[in-house]
PDB file of N, CA and C in Angstrom:
ATOM      1  N   MET A   1       2.696   5.335 -11.911  1.00  0.00           N
ATOM      2  CA  MET A   1       2.978   4.268 -11.382  1.00  0.00           C
ATOM      3  C   MET A   1       2.926   3.408 -12.178  1.00  0.00           C
ATOM      4  N   HIS A   2       4.306   2.866 -12.365  1.00  0.00           N
ATOM      5  CA  HIS A   2       4.375   1.905 -13.409  1.00  0.00           C
ATOM      6  C   HIS A   2       4.476   0.583 -12.579  1.00  0.00           C
ATOM      7  N   VAL A   3       4.232  -0.603 -13.424  1.00  0.00           N
ATOM      8  CA  VAL A   3       4.263  -1.672 -12.847  1.00  0.00           C
ATOM      9  C   VAL A   3       5.225  -2.820 -13.599  1.00  0.00           C
ATOM     10  N   LEU A   4       6.869  -2.938 -12.954  1.00  0.00           N
ATOM     11  CA  LEU A   4       7.234  -3.909 -13.800  1.00  0.00           C
ATOM     12  C   LEU A   4       7.292  -5.120 -13.921  1.00  0.00           C
ATOM     13  N   GLY A   5       6.641  -5.437 -12.797  1.00  0.00           N
ATOM     14  CA  GLY A   5       6.662  -7.225 -12.524  1.00  0.00           C
ATOM     15  C   GLY A   5       7.540  -7.475 -11.622  1.00  0.00           C
ATOM     16  N   HIS A   6       7.282  -8.758 -11.166  1.00  0.00           N
ATOM     17  CA  HIS A   6       8.492  -9.450 -10.084  1.00  0.00           C
ATOM     18  C   HIS A   6       8.173  -8.934  -8.269  1.00  0.00           C
ATOM     19  N   GLY A   7       7.411  -8.654  -8.482  1.00  0.00           N
ATOM     20  CA  GLY A   7       6.909  -7.531  -7.369  1.00  0.00           C
ATOM     21  C   GLY A   7       7.769  -6.247  -7.098  1.00  0.00           C
ATOM     22  N   THR A   8       8.263  -5.877  -8.375  1.00  0.00           N
ATOM     23  CA  THR A   8       8.796  -4.039  -8.425  1.00  0.00           C
ATOM     24  C   THR A   8       7.812  -3.340  -9.321  1.00  0.00           C
ATOM     25  N   VAL A   9       7.514  -2.063  -8.384  1.00  0.00           N
ATOM     26  CA  VAL A   9       6.844  -1.354  -9.038  1.00  0.00           C
ATOM     27  C   VAL A   9       7.596   0.340  -9.270  1.00  0.00           C
ATOM     28  N   MET A  10       7.515   1.159 -10.053  1.00  0.00           N
ATOM     29  CA  MET A  10       7.931   2.326 -10.123  1.00  0.00           C
ATOM     30  C   MET A  10       6.992   3.750  -9.653  1.00  0.00           C
ATOM     31  N   ILE A  11       7.382   4.486  -9.281  1.00  0.00           N
ATOM     32  CA  ILE A  11       6.538   5.524  -8.577  1.00  0.00           C
ATOM     33  C   ILE A  11       7.253   6.552  -9.283  1.00  0.00           C
ATOM     34  N   GLY A  12       6.493   7.825  -9.652  1.00  0.00           N
ATOM     35  CA  GLY A  12       7.277   9.215 -10.172  1.00  0.00           C
ATOM     36  C   GLY A  12       7.132  10.037  -8.795  1.00  0.00           C
ATOM     37  N   MET A  13       7.698  10.704  -8.966  1.00  0.00           N
ATOM     38  CA  MET A  13       7.788  11.852  -7.567  1.00  0.00           C
ATOM     39  C   MET A  13       7.709  13.253  -8.073  1.00  0.00           C
ATOM     40  N   GLY A  14       7.027  14.169  -7.740  1.00  0.00           N
ATOM     41  CA  GLY A  14       6.901  15.439  -8.835  1.00  0.00           C
ATOM     42  C   GLY A  14       6.103  16.593  -8.386  1.00  0.00           C
ATOM     43  N   GLU A  15       5.541  16.939  -9.433  1.00  0.00           N
ATOM     44  CA  GLU A  15       4.569  18.079  -8.919  1.00  0.00           C
ATOM     45  C   GLU A  15       3.579  17.859  -7.999  1.00  0.00           C
ATOM     46  N   ARG A  16       3.025  16.836  -8.369  1.00  0.00           N
ATOM     47  CA  ARG A  16       1.756  16.198  -7.302  1.00  0.00           C
ATOM     48  C   ARG A  16       2.169  14.843  -6.498  1.00  0.00           C
ATOM     49  N   THR A  17       3.213  14.667  -6.269  1.00  0.00           N
ATOM     50  CA  THR A  17       3.273  13.351  -5.961  1.00  0.00           C
ATOM     51  C   THR A  17       4.434  13.685  -4.758  1.00  0.00           C
ATOM     52  N   THR A  18       4.544  13.950  -3.516  1.00  0.00           N
ATOM     53  CA  THR A  18       5.533  14.016  -2.635  1.00  0.00           C
ATOM     54  C   THR A  18       6.490  12.885  -2.021  1.00  0.00           C
ATOM     55  N   PRO A  19       7.485  12.964  -1.433  1.00  0.00           N
ATOM     56  CA  PRO A  19       8.455  11.554  -1.438  1.00  0.00           C
ATOM     57  C   PRO A  19       7.635  11.342   0.165  1.00  0.00           C
ATOM     58  N   ILE A  20       6.907  11.954   0.577  1.00  0.00           N
ATOM     59  CA  ILE A  20       6.445  11.375   1.997  1.00  0.00           C
ATOM     60  C   ILE A  20       5.125  10.336   1.427  1.00  0.00           C
ATOM     61  N   ALA A  21       4.408  10.859   0.240  1.00  0.00           N
ATOM     62  CA  ALA A  21       3.270  10.029  -0.418  1.00  0.00           C
ATOM     63  C   ALA A  21       3.806   9.015  -1.094  1.00  0.00           C
ATOM     64  N   VAL A  22       5.253   8.922  -1.224  1.00  0.00           N
ATOM     65  CA  VAL A  22       5.960   7.955  -2.196  1.00  0.00           C
ATOM     66  C   VAL A  22       6.241   6.806  -1.079  1.00  0.00           C
ATOM     67  N   GLU A  23       6.583   7.313   0.391  1.00  0.00           N
ATOM     68  CA  GLU A  23       6.800   6.430   1.351  1.00  0.00           C
ATOM     69  C   GLU A  23       6.172   5.859   1.611  1.00  0.00           C
ATOM     70  N   ILE A  24       4.537   6.508   2.016  1.00  0.00           N
ATOM     71  CA  ILE A  24       3.232   6.102   2.559  1.00  0.00           C
ATOM     72  C   ILE A  24       3.039   4.676   1.712  1.00  0.00           C
ATOM     73  N   LEU A  25       3.032   4.633   0.439  1.00  0.00           N
ATOM     74  CA  LEU A  25       2.329   4.050  -0.443  1.00  0.00           C
ATOM     75  C   LEU A  25       3.239   2.769  -0.456  1.00  0.00           C
ATOM     76  N   THR A  26       4.372   3.254  -0.220  1.00  0.00           N
ATOM     77  CA  THR A  26       5.512   1.684  -0.128  1.00  0.00           C
ATOM     78  C   THR A  26       5.636   1.335   0.720  1.00  0.00           C
ATOM     79  N   ARG A  27       5.487   2.135   2.102  1.00  0.00           N
ATOM     80  CA  ARG A  27       5.218   0.854   3.235  1.00  0.00           C
ATOM     81  C   ARG A  27       3.625   0.000   3.292  1.00  0.00           C
ATOM     82  N   ARG A  28       2.567   0.544   2.370  1.00  0.00           N
ATOM     83  CA  ARG A  28       1.307  -0.297   2.167  1.00  0.00           C
ATOM     84  C   ARG A  28       1.628  -1.086   1.513  1.00  0.00           C
ATOM     85  N   LEU A  29       2.380  -1.020   0.314  1.00  0.00           N
ATOM     86  CA  LEU A  29       2.547  -1.562  -0.651  1.00  0.00           C
ATOM     87  C   LEU A  29       3.430  -2.300  -0.295  1.00  0.00           C
ATOM     88  N   PHE A  30       4.811  -2.723   0.818  1.00  0.00           N
ATOM     89  CA  PHE A  30       4.904  -3.879   1.192  1.00  0.00           C
ATOM     90  C   PHE A  30       4.671  -4.847   2.630  1.00  0.00           C
ATOM     91  N   GLU A  31       3.514  -3.996   3.530  1.00  0.00           N
ATOM     92  CA  GLU A  31       2.494  -4.418   4.102  1.00  0.00           C
ATOM     93  C   GLU A  31       1.876  -5.135   3.497  1.00  0.00           C
ATOM     94  N   THR A  32       1.184  -5.320   2.485  1.00  0.00           N
ATOM     95  CA  THR A  32       0.025  -6.316   1.988  1.00  0.00           C
ATOM     96  C   THR A  32       0.711  -6.966   0.684  1.00  0.00           C
ATOM     97  N   GLY A  33       1.903  -6.913   0.801  1.00  0.00           N
ATOM     98  CA  GLY A  33       2.558  -7.922  -0.078  1.00  0.00           C
ATOM     99  C   GLY A  33       2.095  -7.927  -1.035  1.00  0.00           C
ATOM    100  N   LEU A  34       1.981  -6.420  -1.958  1.00  0.00           N
ATOM    101  CA  LEU A  34       1.680  -6.438  -3.344  1.00  0.00           C
ATOM    102  C   LEU A  34       2.755  -5.639  -4.164  1.00  0.00           C
ATOM    103  N   ALA A  35       3.979  -5.578  -3.027  1.00  0.00           N
ATOM    104  CA  ALA A  35       5.204  -5.216  -3.973  1.00  0.00           C
ATOM    105  C   ALA A  35       6.420  -5.331  -2.950  1.00  0.00           C
ATOM    106  N   THR A  36       7.642  -6.302  -3.604  1.00  0.00           N
ATOM    107  CA  THR A  36       8.727  -6.373  -3.134  1.00  0.00           C
ATOM    108  C   THR A  36       9.743  -5.398  -2.908  1.00  0.00           C
ATOM    109  N   ARG A  37       9.373  -4.695  -3.734  1.00  0.00           N
ATOM    110  CA  ARG A  37      10.469  -3.398  -4.619  1.00  0.00           C
ATOM    111  C   ARG A  37       9.726  -2.284  -5.099  1.00  0.00           C
ATOM    112  N   VAL A  38      10.521  -1.245  -4.539  1.00  0.00           N
ATOM    113  CA  VAL A  38       9.465  -0.044  -5.088  1.00  0.00           C
ATOM    114  C   VAL A  38      10.731   0.825  -5.520  1.00  0.00           C
ATOM    115  N   ILE A  39      10.824   1.621  -6.832  1.00  0.00           N
ATOM    116  CA  ILE A  39      11.426   2.537  -7.310  1.00  0.00           C
ATOM    117  C   ILE A  39      10.782   3.883  -7.552  1.00  0.00           C
ATOM    118  N   ALA A  40      11.465   4.644  -7.031  1.00  0.00           N
ATOM    119  CA  ALA A  40      11.315   6.214  -7.083  1.00  0.00           C
ATOM    120  C   ALA A  40      11.946   7.122  -7.814  1.00  0.00           C
ATOM    121  N   ILE A  41      11.274   7.447  -8.991  1.00  0.00           N
ATOM    122  CA  ILE A  41      11.729   8.192  -9.912  1.00  0.00           C
ATOM    123  C   ILE A  41      11.570   9.763  -9.645  1.00  0.00           C
ATOM    124  N   GLU A  42      12.370  10.520  -9.012  1.00  0.00           N
ATOM    125  CA  GLU A  42      12.107  12.230  -9.153  1.00  0.00           C
ATOM    126  C   GLU A  42      12.434  12.923 -10.424  1.00  0.00           C
ATOM    127  N   LEU A  43      11.042  13.711 -10.511  1.00  0.00           N
ATOM    128  CA  LEU A  43      10.875  13.983 -11.456  1.00  0.00           C
ATOM    129  C   LEU A  43      10.736  15.639 -11.745  1.00  0.00           C
ATOM    130  N   PRO A  44      11.319  16.485 -12.568  1.00  0.00           N
ATOM    131  CA  PRO A  44      11.214  17.923 -12.357  1.00  0.00           C
ATOM    132  C   PRO A  44       9.939  18.750 -12.257  1.00  0.00           C
ATOM    133  N   HIS A  45      10.102  19.861 -11.413  1.00  0.00           N
ATOM    134  CA  HIS A  45       9.084  19.869 -10.910  1.00  0.00           C
ATOM    135  C   HIS A  45       8.288  20.954 -11.866  1.00  0.00           C
ATOM    136  N   SER A  46       7.467  20.869 -12.765  1.00  0.00           N
ATOM    137  CA  SER A  46       6.819  21.335 -14.204  1.00  0.00           C
ATOM    138  C   SER A  46       6.004  20.356 -14.208  1.00  0.00           C
ATOM    139  N   HIS A  47       4.965  21.203 -15.348  1.00  0.00           N
ATOM    140  CA  HIS A  47       3.530  20.523 -15.402  1.00  0.00           C
ATOM    141  C   HIS A  47       3.526  19.460 -16.852  1.00  0.00           C
ATOM    142  N   ALA A  48       4.939  20.214 -17.421  1.00  0.00           N
ATOM    143  CA  ALA A  48       5.043  18.763 -18.502  1.00  0.00           C
ATOM    144  C   ALA A  48       5.690  17.320 -17.885  1.00  0.00           C
ATOM    145  N   PHE A  49       5.843  17.476 -16.875  1.00  0.00           N
ATOM    146  CA  PHE A  49       5.967  16.491 -16.218  1.00  0.00           C
ATOM    147  C   PHE A  49       5.596  15.967 -14.985  1.00  0.00           C
ATOM    148  N   MET A  50       4.080  16.384 -14.472  1.00  0.00           N
ATOM    149  CA  MET A  50       3.493  16.093 -13.886  1.00  0.00           C
ATOM    150  C   MET A  50       3.303  14.560 -13.494  1.00  0.00           C
ATOM    151  N   HIS A  51       3.048  13.490 -14.312  1.00  0.00           N
ATOM    152  CA  HIS A  51       3.019  12.068 -14.179  1.00  0.00           C
ATOM    153  C   HIS A  51       4.079  11.296 -14.823  1.00  0.00           C
ATOM    154  N   LEU A  52       4.598  10.320 -14.100  1.00  0.00           N
ATOM    155  CA  LEU A  52       5.311   9.464 -14.754  1.00  0.00           C
ATOM    156  C   LEU A  52       5.377   8.466 -16.248  1.00  0.00           C
ATOM    157  N   ASP A  53       4.201   8.400 -16.282  1.00  0.00           N
ATOM    158  CA  ASP A  53       3.653   7.918 -18.068  1.00  0.00           C
ATOM    159  C   ASP A  53       3.773   9.110 -18.909  1.00  0.00           C
ATOM    160  N   THR A  54       4.043  10.340 -18.661  1.00  0.00           N
ATOM    161  CA  THR A  54       4.213  11.611 -19.449  1.00  0.00           C
ATOM    162  C   THR A  54       5.840  11.397 -19.475  1.00  0.00           C
ATOM    163  N   VAL A  55       6.647  11.023 -19.368  1.00  0.00           N
ATOM    164  CA  VAL A  55       8.096  10.959 -19.551  1.00  0.00           C
ATOM    165  C   VAL A  55       8.388   9.657 -20.198  1.00  0.00           C
ATOM    166  N   MET A  56       8.076   8.607 -19.169  1.00  0.00           N
ATOM    167  CA  MET A  56       8.553   7.443 -20.036  1.00  0.00           C
ATOM    168  C   MET A  56       7.117   6.448 -19.630  1.00  0.00           C
ATOM    169  N   THR A  57       7.171   5.777 -20.991  1.00  0.00           N
ATOM    170  CA  THR A  57       5.905   4.886 -21.472  1.00  0.00           C
ATOM    171  C   THR A  57       6.747   3.570 -21.620  1.00  0.00           C
ATOM    172  N   MET A  58       6.066   2.377 -20.957  1.00  0.00           N
ATOM    173  CA  MET A  58       6.702   1.021 -20.829  1.00  0.00           C
ATOM    174  C   MET A  58       5.984   0.304 -22.300  1.00  0.00           C
ATOM    175  N   ILE A  59       6.770  -0.328 -23.216  1.00  0.00           N
ATOM    176  CA  ILE A  59       6.159  -1.006 -24.024  1.00  0.00           C
ATOM    177  C   ILE A  59       6.230  -2.360 -24.264  1.00  0.00           C
ATOM    178  N   ASP A  60       7.257  -3.042 -23.351  1.00  0.00           N
ATOM    179  CA  ASP A  60       7.742  -4.241 -23.684  1.00  0.00           C
ATOM    180  C   ASP A  60       8.190  -4.231 -21.925  1.00  0.00           C
ATOM    181  N   ARG A  61       8.436  -5.689 -21.643  1.00  0.00           N
ATOM    182  CA  ARG A  61       9.222  -5.627 -20.436  1.00  0.00           C
ATOM    183  C   ARG A  61      10.723  -5.007 -20.169  1.00  0.00           C
ATOM    184  N   ALA A  62      11.267  -4.904 -21.084  1.00  0.00           N
ATOM    185  CA  ALA A  62      12.463  -4.368 -20.850  1.00  0.00           C
ATOM    186  C   ALA A  62      12.515  -3.160 -21.740  1.00  0.00           C
ATOM    187  N   THR A  63      11.617  -2.157 -22.431  1.00  0.00           N
ATOM    188  CA  THR A  63      11.754  -1.619 -23.411  1.00  0.00           C
ATOM    189  C   THR A  63      10.982  -0.388 -23.154  1.00  0.00           C
ATOM    190  N   PHE A  64      11.204   1.077 -22.405  1.00  0.00           N
ATOM    191  CA  PHE A  64      10.801   2.060 -22.332  1.00  0.00           C
ATOM    192  C   PHE A  64      10.947   3.035 -23.358  1.00  0.00           C
ATOM    193  N   VAL A  65       9.723   3.874 -24.219  1.00  0.00           N
ATOM    194  CA  VAL A  65       9.638   5.355 -24.810  1.00  0.00           C
ATOM    195  C   VAL A  65       9.994   6.190 -23.878  1.00  0.00           C
ATOM    196  N   LEU A  66      10.950   6.919 -24.016  1.00  0.00           N
ATOM    197  CA  LEU A  66      11.337   8.107 -23.138  1.00  0.00           C
ATOM    198  C   LEU A  66      10.665   9.505 -23.828  1.00  0.00           C
ATOM    199  N   TYR A  67      10.574  10.439 -23.197  1.00  0.00           N
ATOM    200  CA  TYR A  67      10.066  11.552 -23.695  1.00  0.00           C
ATOM    201  C   TYR A  67      11.279  12.686 -24.265  1.00  0.00           C
ATOM    202  N   PRO A  68      11.438  12.760 -25.297  1.00  0.00           N
ATOM    203  CA  PRO A  68      12.925  13.041 -25.915  1.00  0.00           C
ATOM    204  C   PRO A  68      13.173  14.322 -25.488  1.00  0.00           C
ATOM    205  N   TYR A  69      12.553  14.820 -24.797  1.00  0.00           N
ATOM    206  CA  TYR A  69      13.006  16.333 -24.171  1.00  0.00           C
ATOM    207  C   TYR A  69      13.162  16.101 -22.884  1.00  0.00           C
ATOM    208  N   PHE A  70      13.322  15.202 -22.278  1.00  0.00           N
ATOM    209  CA  PHE A  70      13.587  15.164 -20.598  1.00  0.00           C
ATOM    210  C   PHE A  70      14.968  14.774 -20.754  1.00  0.00           C
ATOM    211  N   ASP A  71      15.297  15.587 -19.927  1.00  0.00           N
ATOM    212  CA  ASP A  71      16.994  15.380 -19.320  1.00  0.00           C
ATOM    213  C   ASP A  71      17.169  14.577 -18.205  1.00  0.00           C
ATOM    214  N   ARG A  72      17.885  13.289 -18.799  1.00  0.00           N
ATOM    215  CA  ARG A  72      18.029  11.688 -18.277  1.00  0.00           C
ATOM    216  C   ARG A  72      18.924  12.245 -16.928  1.00  0.00           C
ATOM    217  N   THR A  73      19.723  13.462 -16.825  1.00  0.00           N
ATOM    218  CA  THR A  73      20.438  13.757 -15.942  1.00  0.00           C
ATOM    219  C   THR A  73      19.842  14.300 -14.540  1.00  0.00           C
ATOM    220  N   CYS A  74      18.880  14.626 -14.775  1.00  0.00           N
ATOM    221  CA  CYS A  74      17.686  15.408 -13.720  1.00  0.00           C
ATOM    222  C   CYS A  74      17.152  14.381 -12.842  1.00  0.00           C
ATOM    223  N   ALA A  75      16.767  13.252 -13.567  1.00  0.00           N
ATOM    224  CA  ALA A  75      16.001  12.437 -12.538  1.00  0.00           C
ATOM    225  C   ALA A  75      16.876  11.360 -11.673  1.00  0.00           C
ATOM    226  N   VAL A  76      16.411  11.217 -10.658  1.00  0.00           N
ATOM    227  CA  VAL A  76      17.090  10.603  -9.962  1.00  0.00           C
ATOM    228  C   VAL A  76      16.202   9.217  -9.431  1.00  0.00           C
ATOM    229  N   GLY A  77      16.647   7.924  -9.242  1.00  0.00           N
ATOM    230  CA  GLY A  77      15.919   6.683  -8.786  1.00  0.00           C
ATOM    231  C   GLY A  77      16.695   6.339  -8.132  1.00  0.00           C
ATOM    232  N   ARG A  78      15.526   6.056  -6.741  1.00  0.00           N
ATOM    233  CA  ARG A  78      15.920   5.083  -5.375  1.00  0.00           C
ATOM    234  C   ARG A  78      15.141   3.917  -5.116  1.00  0.00           C
ATOM    235  N   SER A  79      15.776   3.184  -5.545  1.00  0.00           N
ATOM    236  CA  SER A  79      14.862   1.673  -5.121  1.00  0.00           C
ATOM    237  C   SER A  79      14.888   1.528  -3.392  1.00  0.00           C
ATOM    238  N   LEU A  80      13.830   1.101  -3.263  1.00  0.00           N
ATOM    239  CA  LEU A  80      13.357   1.137  -1.953  1.00  0.00           C
ATOM    240  C   LEU A  80      13.158  -0.084  -1.455  1.00  0.00           C
ATOM    241  N   ARG A  81      13.840  -0.870  -0.517  1.00  0.00           N
ATOM    242  CA  ARG A  81      13.605  -2.164   0.049  1.00  0.00           C
ATOM    243  C   ARG A  81      14.886  -3.073  -1.203  1.00  0.00           C
TER     244      ARG A  81
END
């Protein structure tokens, strides 16, 4: 999970994090006011992409470093709320 700021978090869905888990976490974040927007990123089902931070690392507010062999067309981002 990446905290992007301004109430926005990004959560990876892959080998170990199911869409239902993301939904449950998102509801809890909204209920507690810890987030106002969640972006769920669908990751390939592979051990190489188990965690969002193995695919992308935030190095400043507007910049990420991406894993060079990650096929960006495979990732689907869904903004919740």
